[in-house]
Structure formats: structure tokens, C-alpha cells
Amino acid sequence: MRLSWDIFCTVVDNYGDIGICWRVARQLVREHGQEARLWVDDLETFHRICPQVDARLDRQMVEAVTIRRWPQAMPAVRPADVVVEAFACHVPESFLLAMAVREPRPVWINLEYFSAEAWVAENHGLSSPHPRLPLTQYFFIPGIGADAGGVLGNPAELNALAAFQKDAGAQQAFWDELGLPAGVALRISLFAYDNPAIPGLIEALKDADMPVCLLASEGKSLGQVAAGLDLAGLKAGERHRRGNLTVQVLPFMAQDRYDRLLWACDVNFVRGEDSFIRAQHAGRSLAWQAYVQEDGAQWPKIEAFLCHYAAGLSAPAEAALREAWRGWNAGESRPEIWAEWLAHLPEYQAHARAWAGKLRAWPNLVDKLVKFALSKV
């Protein structure tokens, strides 16, 4: 059954929120033949991850998805069959009133962030009646296990990932495009928020027992990367060497090209929501910097994920992984935790490949989203 979808996204976590919404919208159209309309309040940021988006236009079609600017004064439009409020955003009152008088009334979904916490299975799919209007909202929570809302992963993209990682020529062509120096044993991507822990990581990588290239993405974290190199600043295109470490600053990449960076690197430091999920699928060792929330609400998410992700590691490797992730998220500049982490890297690599296999076997977020919507129509 073909349904129309309105997906609302406010850009809070820079690229993570719109990154996830864009993937969901495209997968609804490509894999399920649905009709998707994506409402975004910040088209300039959207343009950075998808250059086909023209930030000057209020309405456009990109990859068969209708993209609408979400202004403060919402235009009068008929709500779709399914209305999705992504990541705690809220549709305007005028749109809620239009939903209430529409026949049949839309399926109204609150799409939450991915979490491995135990409460996800208990709350996924719960309903919440509107206090004034004849509308019911349903909570859809991505997570681990059959009772959660699934994990984002487009089958076509995952097949492309597998083919890329088996094709040494394609990988070398990618490195040639980036101008990566030759003779590198370990390639690490870095996409982070402001993080005082970065100089400690750089210090440990300088003393690694192999040639390392740290590919630092242009953005907020470059100040700390520069500090770790004893430089006043950095910009895209620069390359600096310290000991066994070469740091190369990459220009900001569109979403699909950044995916390939994650697929090609040996280790990925990621942040927020979208790059975190993609790094897991890449089957490479990773370190996640969670989006900082009020009252430290990110810490239970980090610990819950580690309980699942670290299962099966040897006791020393698990302890080093937990120490590294906690230090990374606490902003602790401690080279010794990364030296210990590097010592277990071969085990982490094998573990990451096995974890990616588990991810592919778990329910797919968009598949479950469509099935859920159809059950409520």
C-alpha cells in the first residue's frame, strides 16, 4: 500500500538529525515505493550533506523526495497519511489542527533517537492521546533487539559497502582522490564535536609503533587538533607530521562520500547519531562521542550501548575500550588510555566486523516503520 509521509526535522545536532531523516525519506521512496515529503528548518545545513539541495528554494524534488522549507509560518497544506516528528521536534499548532480534521486522520509518529537502553523495548510503540484534539501519537524508538524499532540500514547501501570493502582498486582510487600519503599502516577518520580529549589522542598516535594517518574532518574539532600539533590553527587541505603520525585535514564531505570514508578507514571516531550508526555498519573499530545533553543524559546511552557492543571481548580489551570511550566523552586528554586501546586494536577490528554482521541481521528501522504505519491506517 502506497502511503504519503510528512517527515519534520529541526537541525539540532548539526548533521545527525537531518542525516537520519534524509536516509529515512530516501529509503521510504526507494525500497518501499512510498511518497515522502521532508520538512527542514535549515536548508543550508542540509545542502552541506546533500549538495543537490538548493537552500534558496522553498520547495524542490531531490531523488524523488519532496523537500520543503519549514518556516515559522507554516503554509496551509493537507497533512500526509503518516506524519513523523523526528527527534523531539513539534509540528505547528496550525498543522495539528489540519491533522485533526483530515479524514482519515494521519498516523502520527514520534521518531526517537537510537538507544540500547532497556526501557526502549518497554516504550516502543506506546501511544499518547492528544489532550485536546482527536489525535493519537505513537512513539517509535530505534534500538537493539526484536522489540525495539530496529536499526537504520539501507540494503542497497549495505551491499555497496560490502562491494567497496572487497575492491582494493576502488579503495585505492578513493585514497588517491584524497591525496593520502603512501606507506600508511593505520588510517583513522575523526569527526567530532569540540573535545579537549583530542590532544591526548594525538599524543598517543605520535608514538604508535606504525605509520598512522589521522584524517580530520573540517569542523568544530579542528581547534583541538591544532592544539595537539602545537599549531595556532588548521584548515582544509593542510598536512602535518609528528613522529609516526600524519594529520591530514579533509574538507567537509557530502553524506554519501563521507560514508565511503568510514568504509575505507581502519578506525572511525564519530559523533552524534547518523555517523554513529554508519560507523557500526562499516565493520571497523570505532569510538563514539555522544551529543552532550542536560544533566548528563548521554551517559546512560553510552553505558547501555557498551554493554551490548563490548560483549565477547577479552577482559583486558573490554576494560581498555570502556576506559577510552569514557575518557573521550568526558573530554579527558590522557594519552595512556589510547596507548592501551591501540594495543588491543586487532581484537577490536575482528569484533567490529562481527558486530556489523549482527546489525544486518536485526530488524531494519524503515521496514519496521512502514509496517507499523500500515498497521495503524
Protein backbone atom coordinates (compact mmCIF):
# COMPACT_ATOMS: atom_id res chain seq x y z
CA MET A 1 0.00 0.00 0.00
CA ARG A 2 1.39 3.37 -1.02
CA LEU A 3 1.19 5.97 1.72
CA SER A 4 2.21 9.62 1.78
CA TRP A 5 4.61 10.70 4.53
CA ASP A 6 5.38 14.08 6.11
CA ILE A 7 8.71 13.99 7.96
CA PHE A 8 9.55 17.03 10.10
CA CYS A 9 13.16 17.75 11.06
CA THR A 10 14.73 20.56 13.05
CA VAL A 11 18.51 20.68 12.72
CA VAL A 12 19.81 20.44 16.30
CA ASP A 13 22.77 18.06 16.17
CA ASN A 14 24.26 19.85 13.15
CA TYR A 15 24.20 16.96 10.65
CA GLY A 16 22.96 13.95 12.61
CA ASP A 17 19.26 14.82 12.67
CA ILE A 18 18.92 15.77 9.02
CA GLY A 19 21.29 12.95 8.06
CA ILE A 20 18.98 10.32 9.58
CA CYS A 21 15.81 11.96 8.23
CA TRP A 22 17.27 12.16 4.72
CA ARG A 23 18.19 8.48 4.80
CA VAL A 24 14.74 7.51 6.07
CA ALA A 25 12.96 9.60 3.41
CA ARG A 26 15.05 8.14 0.57
CA GLN A 27 14.60 4.60 1.81
CA LEU A 28 10.83 5.04 2.08
CA VAL A 29 10.77 6.02 -1.59
CA ARG A 30 13.40 3.64 -2.99
CA GLU A 31 12.75 0.47 -1.02
CA HIS A 32 9.05 0.77 -0.22
CA GLY A 33 7.53 2.87 -3.00
CA GLN A 34 6.19 5.42 -0.55
CA GLU A 35 5.66 9.16 -1.15
CA ALA A 36 7.87 11.28 1.11
CA ARG A 37 7.80 15.00 1.89
CA LEU A 38 10.64 16.20 4.11
CA TRP A 39 10.21 19.45 6.05
CA VAL A 40 13.53 21.00 7.18
CA ASP A 41 14.11 24.24 9.07
CA ASP A 42 17.76 24.63 7.96
CA LEU A 43 18.31 24.01 4.26
CA GLU A 44 21.82 25.47 4.37
CA THR A 45 23.00 22.61 6.61
CA PHE A 46 21.04 20.13 4.50
CA HIS A 47 22.85 21.43 1.41
CA ARG A 48 26.22 20.61 3.00
CA ILE A 49 25.41 16.90 3.31
CA CYS A 50 23.44 16.82 0.05
CA PRO A 51 24.75 19.36 -2.50
CA GLN A 52 21.74 18.73 -4.80
CA VAL A 53 19.58 20.61 -2.28
CA ASP A 54 19.19 24.27 -3.22
CA ALA A 55 18.98 26.23 0.02
CA ARG A 56 17.27 29.12 -1.78
CA LEU A 57 14.17 27.13 -2.74
CA ASP A 58 11.11 26.66 -0.55
CA ARG A 59 10.09 23.56 -2.48
CA GLN A 60 12.08 21.12 -4.60
CA MET A 61 12.36 17.47 -5.57
CA VAL A 62 15.63 15.60 -4.91
CA GLU A 63 15.96 11.85 -5.52
CA ALA A 64 12.17 11.53 -5.71
CA VAL A 65 11.73 13.11 -2.25
CA THR A 66 9.82 16.39 -1.99
CA ILE A 67 11.82 18.79 0.18
CA ARG A 68 10.06 21.72 1.79
CA ARG A 69 11.45 24.58 3.81
CA TRP A 70 9.85 24.52 7.26
CA PRO A 71 9.23 28.21 8.02
CA GLN A 72 7.94 29.75 11.23
CA ALA A 73 4.64 30.47 9.47
CA MET A 74 3.60 27.03 8.25
CA PRO A 75 1.91 27.05 4.83
CA ALA A 76 -1.59 25.63 4.54
CA VAL A 77 -1.12 22.08 3.23
CA ARG A 78 -3.03 18.85 3.57
CA PRO A 79 -1.20 16.54 6.01
CA ALA A 80 0.07 13.26 4.64
CA ASP A 81 -1.19 9.81 5.60
CA VAL A 82 1.70 9.50 8.05
CA VAL A 83 3.20 12.42 9.99
CA VAL A 84 6.61 11.88 11.59
CA GLU A 85 8.05 14.27 14.17
CA ALA A 86 11.73 13.37 14.22
CA PHE A 87 13.88 13.67 17.33
CA ALA A 88 11.58 15.64 19.64
CA CYS A 89 10.59 18.35 17.16
CA HIS A 90 6.96 19.53 17.16
CA VAL A 91 4.70 20.43 14.26
CA PRO A 92 2.97 23.82 14.48
CA GLU A 93 -0.48 24.16 16.01
CA SER A 94 -1.98 25.02 12.63
CA PHE A 95 -0.72 21.74 11.19
CA LEU A 96 -2.05 19.79 14.19
CA LEU A 97 -5.48 21.33 13.59
CA ALA A 98 -5.28 20.29 9.94
CA MET A 99 -4.37 16.76 11.04
CA ALA A 100 -7.38 16.68 13.39
CA VAL A 101 -9.89 17.48 10.64
CA ARG A 102 -8.32 15.30 7.96
CA GLU A 103 -10.22 12.14 7.03
CA PRO A 104 -8.85 9.65 7.60
CA ARG A 105 -6.67 11.10 10.32
CA PRO A 106 -2.92 10.67 9.86
CA VAL A 107 -0.83 8.12 11.66
CA TRP A 108 1.18 10.37 13.96
CA ILE A 109 4.66 9.09 14.90
CA ASN A 110 7.31 10.48 17.23
CA LEU A 111 10.62 9.10 15.90
CA GLU A 112 13.17 9.00 18.71
CA TYR A 113 16.96 8.66 18.77
CA PHE A 114 18.59 5.23 18.68
CA SER A 115 19.29 3.80 22.11
CA ALA A 116 20.38 0.45 23.55
CA GLU A 117 18.81 1.22 26.94
CA ALA A 118 16.47 -1.37 28.47
CA TRP A 119 13.48 0.98 28.54
CA VAL A 120 13.35 1.12 24.73
CA ALA A 121 11.61 -2.25 24.31
CA GLU A 122 9.08 -1.31 27.00
CA ASN A 123 8.17 2.05 25.44
CA HIS A 124 8.49 1.43 21.71
CA GLY A 125 5.07 1.61 20.07
CA LEU A 126 3.26 3.14 23.04
CA SER A 127 0.50 5.63 22.30
CA SER A 128 -0.22 9.07 23.72
CA PRO A 129 -3.61 10.73 23.08
CA HIS A 130 -3.54 14.46 22.42
CA PRO A 131 -5.10 16.31 25.39
CA ARG A 132 -7.42 18.42 23.22
CA LEU A 133 -7.60 17.03 19.69
CA PRO A 134 -8.83 13.67 18.35
CA LEU A 135 -5.26 12.56 17.59
CA THR A 136 -3.02 9.83 18.97
CA GLN A 137 0.76 9.91 18.77
CA TYR A 138 2.88 6.73 18.73
CA PHE A 139 6.45 6.50 19.99
CA PHE A 140 8.82 4.79 17.57
CA ILE A 141 12.22 4.11 19.16
CA PRO A 142 15.12 2.60 17.17
CA GLY A 143 17.21 0.17 19.16
CA ILE A 144 18.67 -3.29 19.58
CA GLY A 145 16.53 -6.43 19.53
CA ALA A 146 13.23 -7.54 18.02
CA ASP A 147 11.08 -5.48 20.41
CA ALA A 148 12.68 -2.11 19.56
CA GLY A 149 12.19 -0.01 16.43
CA GLY A 150 15.09 -1.51 14.51
CA VAL A 151 18.38 -0.14 13.22
CA LEU A 152 18.73 2.17 10.24
CA GLY A 153 20.38 0.47 7.27
CA ASN A 154 19.52 0.68 3.59
CA PRO A 155 20.05 -2.74 1.94
CA ALA A 156 21.34 -1.15 -1.28
CA GLU A 157 23.87 0.96 0.63
CA LEU A 158 24.98 -2.04 2.70
CA ASN A 159 25.53 -4.06 -0.47
CA ALA A 160 27.58 -1.18 -1.89
CA LEU A 161 29.61 -1.11 1.33
CA ALA A 162 30.40 -4.83 1.08
CA ALA A 163 31.43 -4.49 -2.57
CA PHE A 164 33.65 -1.47 -1.82
CA GLN A 165 35.46 -3.20 1.03
CA LYS A 166 36.21 -6.18 -1.23
CA ASP A 167 37.53 -3.98 -4.06
CA ALA A 168 41.12 -2.93 -3.36
CA GLY A 169 41.20 -0.91 -6.56
CA ALA A 170 38.16 1.15 -5.60
CA GLN A 171 39.65 1.83 -2.18
CA GLN A 172 42.98 2.91 -3.64
CA ALA A 173 41.20 5.20 -6.09
CA PHE A 174 39.39 6.78 -3.15
CA TRP A 175 42.66 7.34 -1.27
CA ASP A 176 44.25 8.79 -4.41
CA GLU A 177 41.37 11.28 -4.70
CA LEU A 178 42.02 12.39 -1.12
CA GLY A 179 45.77 12.63 -1.69
CA LEU A 180 46.55 10.28 1.18
CA PRO A 181 50.29 9.84 1.79
CA ALA A 182 51.77 6.45 0.86
CA GLY A 183 53.03 3.87 3.34
CA VAL A 184 50.27 4.29 5.90
CA ALA A 185 49.56 1.27 8.10
CA LEU A 186 46.60 2.67 10.03
CA ARG A 187 44.01 5.11 8.71
CA ILE A 188 41.79 6.88 11.24
CA SER A 189 38.91 9.24 10.49
CA LEU A 190 37.99 11.93 13.02
CA PHE A 191 34.59 13.64 13.07
CA ALA A 192 33.96 15.17 16.49
CA TYR A 193 32.38 17.96 18.46
CA ASP A 194 34.64 20.26 20.46
CA ASN A 195 36.61 17.76 22.53
CA PRO A 196 39.52 18.52 24.90
CA ALA A 197 40.45 14.82 24.70
CA ILE A 198 41.79 15.18 21.14
CA PRO A 199 45.33 16.34 22.06
CA GLY A 200 45.76 13.23 24.22
CA LEU A 201 44.74 11.02 21.29
CA ILE A 202 47.22 12.80 19.02
CA GLU A 203 49.99 12.38 21.58
CA ALA A 204 49.38 8.62 21.69
CA LEU A 205 49.26 8.33 17.89
CA LYS A 206 52.60 10.17 17.54
CA ASP A 207 54.24 7.34 19.49
CA ALA A 208 52.43 4.48 17.76
CA ASP A 209 54.60 1.60 16.52
CA MET A 210 53.33 2.01 12.96
CA PRO A 211 52.73 4.85 10.47
CA VAL A 212 49.34 6.39 11.23
CA CYS A 213 47.27 8.89 9.24
CA LEU A 214 44.59 10.83 11.10
CA LEU A 215 42.05 12.21 8.64
CA ALA A 216 40.43 15.10 10.48
CA SER A 217 37.19 16.41 9.02
CA GLU A 218 36.79 20.15 8.72
CA GLY A 219 34.61 21.43 11.54
CA LYS A 220 34.35 22.22 15.23
CA SER A 221 37.10 19.90 16.44
CA LEU A 222 39.95 21.40 14.38
CA GLY A 223 40.89 23.75 17.21
CA GLN A 224 41.78 20.81 19.45
CA VAL A 225 43.55 19.02 16.59
CA ALA A 226 45.68 22.13 16.06
CA ALA A 227 46.41 22.31 19.79
CA GLY A 228 47.59 18.71 19.74
CA LEU A 229 50.03 19.62 16.96
CA ASP A 230 51.17 22.84 18.69
CA LEU A 231 49.71 24.93 15.87
CA ALA A 232 47.68 28.13 16.02
CA GLY A 233 45.06 26.76 13.63
CA LEU A 234 44.28 24.40 10.76
CA LYS A 235 42.32 24.50 7.55
CA ALA A 236 41.20 22.02 4.90
CA GLY A 237 43.99 20.66 2.74
CA GLU A 238 46.78 21.02 5.30
CA ARG A 239 49.01 18.08 6.23
CA HIS A 240 51.36 17.89 9.22
CA ARG A 241 53.62 15.17 10.54
CA ARG A 242 54.60 14.46 14.13
CA GLY A 243 56.54 11.27 14.90
CA ASN A 244 54.72 8.32 13.34
CA LEU A 245 51.57 10.39 12.87
CA THR A 246 50.47 12.32 9.79
CA VAL A 247 47.44 14.54 10.23
CA GLN A 248 45.56 15.50 7.09
CA VAL A 249 42.62 17.92 7.20
CA LEU A 250 39.76 16.94 4.90
CA PRO A 251 37.22 19.38 3.50
CA PHE A 252 33.65 18.79 4.60
CA MET A 253 32.18 15.82 2.73
CA ALA A 254 28.68 15.19 1.46
CA GLN A 255 26.87 12.33 3.18
CA ASP A 256 27.43 9.61 0.57
CA ARG A 257 31.13 10.44 0.21
CA TYR A 258 31.63 10.51 3.97
CA ASP A 259 30.11 7.02 4.08
CA ARG A 260 32.97 5.84 1.88
CA LEU A 261 35.49 7.40 4.20
CA LEU A 262 34.02 5.34 7.05
CA TRP A 263 34.07 2.21 4.88
CA ALA A 264 37.71 2.74 3.87
CA CYS A 265 39.32 3.72 7.18
CA ASP A 266 40.59 1.23 9.76
CA VAL A 267 39.22 3.21 12.71
CA ASN A 268 36.46 5.80 12.86
CA PHE A 269 35.91 8.45 15.53
CA VAL A 270 32.30 9.57 15.08
CA ARG A 271 29.76 11.75 16.82
CA GLY A 272 26.02 12.18 17.31
CA GLU A 273 23.51 9.92 15.57
CA ASP A 274 24.00 9.43 11.84
CA SER A 275 27.75 8.83 11.69
CA PHE A 276 27.49 6.56 14.76
CA ILE A 277 25.09 4.19 13.01
CA ARG A 278 27.06 4.30 9.75
CA ALA A 279 30.34 3.56 11.55
CA GLN A 280 28.81 0.47 13.12
CA HIS A 281 27.74 -0.80 9.70
CA ALA A 282 31.24 -0.15 8.32
CA GLY A 283 32.62 -3.00 10.42
CA ARG A 284 35.61 -1.02 11.62
CA SER A 285 36.77 -0.21 15.14
CA LEU A 286 35.07 2.96 16.35
CA ALA A 287 34.87 5.49 19.15
CA TRP A 288 31.63 7.42 19.64
CA GLN A 289 31.25 10.91 21.04
CA ALA A 290 27.63 11.26 22.13
CA TYR A 291 25.77 14.55 21.85
CA VAL A 292 26.01 16.23 25.26
CA GLN A 293 22.60 16.54 26.93
CA GLU A 294 21.34 18.28 30.03
CA ASP A 295 22.08 16.54 33.34
CA GLY A 296 24.46 14.12 31.63
CA ALA A 297 21.62 12.20 29.99
CA GLN A 298 24.04 10.92 27.33
CA TRP A 299 25.94 8.75 29.82
CA PRO A 300 23.26 6.06 30.29
CA LYS A 301 23.08 5.79 26.48
CA ILE A 302 26.85 5.33 26.24
CA GLU A 303 26.97 2.73 29.00
CA ALA A 304 23.94 0.81 27.66
CA PHE A 305 25.47 0.61 24.21
CA LEU A 306 28.82 -0.53 25.59
CA CYS A 307 27.11 -3.34 27.49
CA HIS A 308 25.95 -4.76 24.15
CA TYR A 309 28.87 -3.75 21.96
CA ALA A 310 31.66 -4.90 24.28
CA ALA A 311 30.16 -8.33 24.91
CA GLY A 312 32.52 -11.04 23.69
CA LEU A 313 35.73 -9.04 24.01
CA SER A 314 38.52 -10.33 26.22
CA ALA A 315 38.51 -8.77 29.70
CA PRO A 316 41.58 -6.55 29.05
CA ALA A 317 40.24 -5.37 25.68
CA GLU A 318 36.83 -4.59 27.15
CA ALA A 319 38.35 -2.64 30.01
CA ALA A 320 40.54 -0.62 27.64
CA LEU A 321 37.58 0.08 25.33
CA ARG A 322 35.37 1.28 28.16
CA GLU A 323 38.14 3.47 29.57
CA ALA A 324 38.82 5.01 26.15
CA TRP A 325 35.14 5.75 25.40
CA ARG A 326 34.55 7.21 28.84
CA GLY A 327 37.63 9.40 28.60
CA TRP A 328 36.68 10.50 25.10
CA ASN A 329 33.20 11.55 26.18
CA ALA A 330 34.45 13.20 29.37
CA GLY A 331 36.98 15.26 27.41
CA GLU A 332 39.98 13.80 29.23
CA SER A 333 43.29 14.36 27.44
CA ARG A 334 45.05 11.17 28.54
CA PRO A 335 47.46 9.60 26.03
CA GLU A 336 47.85 6.45 28.15
CA ILE A 337 44.25 5.32 27.60
CA TRP A 338 44.73 5.46 23.83
CA ALA A 339 48.07 3.67 24.01
CA GLU A 340 46.30 0.82 25.82
CA TRP A 341 43.42 0.94 23.33
CA LEU A 342 45.87 0.69 20.40
CA ALA A 343 47.38 -2.43 21.94
CA HIS A 344 44.03 -4.22 21.52
CA LEU A 345 43.22 -2.89 18.05
CA PRO A 346 43.45 -6.26 16.19
CA GLU A 347 40.83 -7.70 18.56
CA TYR A 348 38.64 -4.64 18.14
CA GLN A 349 38.78 -4.96 14.36
CA ALA A 350 37.58 -8.57 14.36
CA HIS A 351 34.92 -7.68 16.91
CA ALA A 352 33.66 -4.75 14.81
CA ARG A 353 33.22 -6.98 11.76
CA ALA A 354 31.17 -9.44 13.81
CA TRP A 355 29.07 -6.58 15.24
CA ALA A 356 28.29 -5.28 11.74
CA GLY A 357 27.04 -8.75 10.83
CA LYS A 358 24.69 -8.69 13.82
CA LEU A 359 23.40 -5.28 12.76
CA ARG A 360 22.45 -6.59 9.33
CA ALA A 361 20.56 -9.48 10.93
CA TRP A 362 18.50 -7.24 13.23
CA PRO A 363 15.23 -5.60 12.11
CA ASN A 364 15.57 -2.65 9.75
CA LEU A 365 14.23 0.66 11.04
CA VAL A 366 12.45 1.75 7.86
CA ASP A 367 10.97 -1.70 7.25
CA LYS A 368 9.51 -1.65 10.75
CA LEU A 369 8.38 1.96 10.36
CA VAL A 370 6.38 1.13 7.22
CA LYS A 371 4.91 -2.00 8.76
CA PHE A 372 3.93 -0.05 11.87
CA ALA A 373 2.27 2.72 9.87
CA LEU A 374 0.33 0.24 7.75
CA SER A 375 -0.97 -1.45 10.89
CA LYS A 376 -2.42 1.87 12.09
CA VAL A 377 -4.01 3.09 8.85
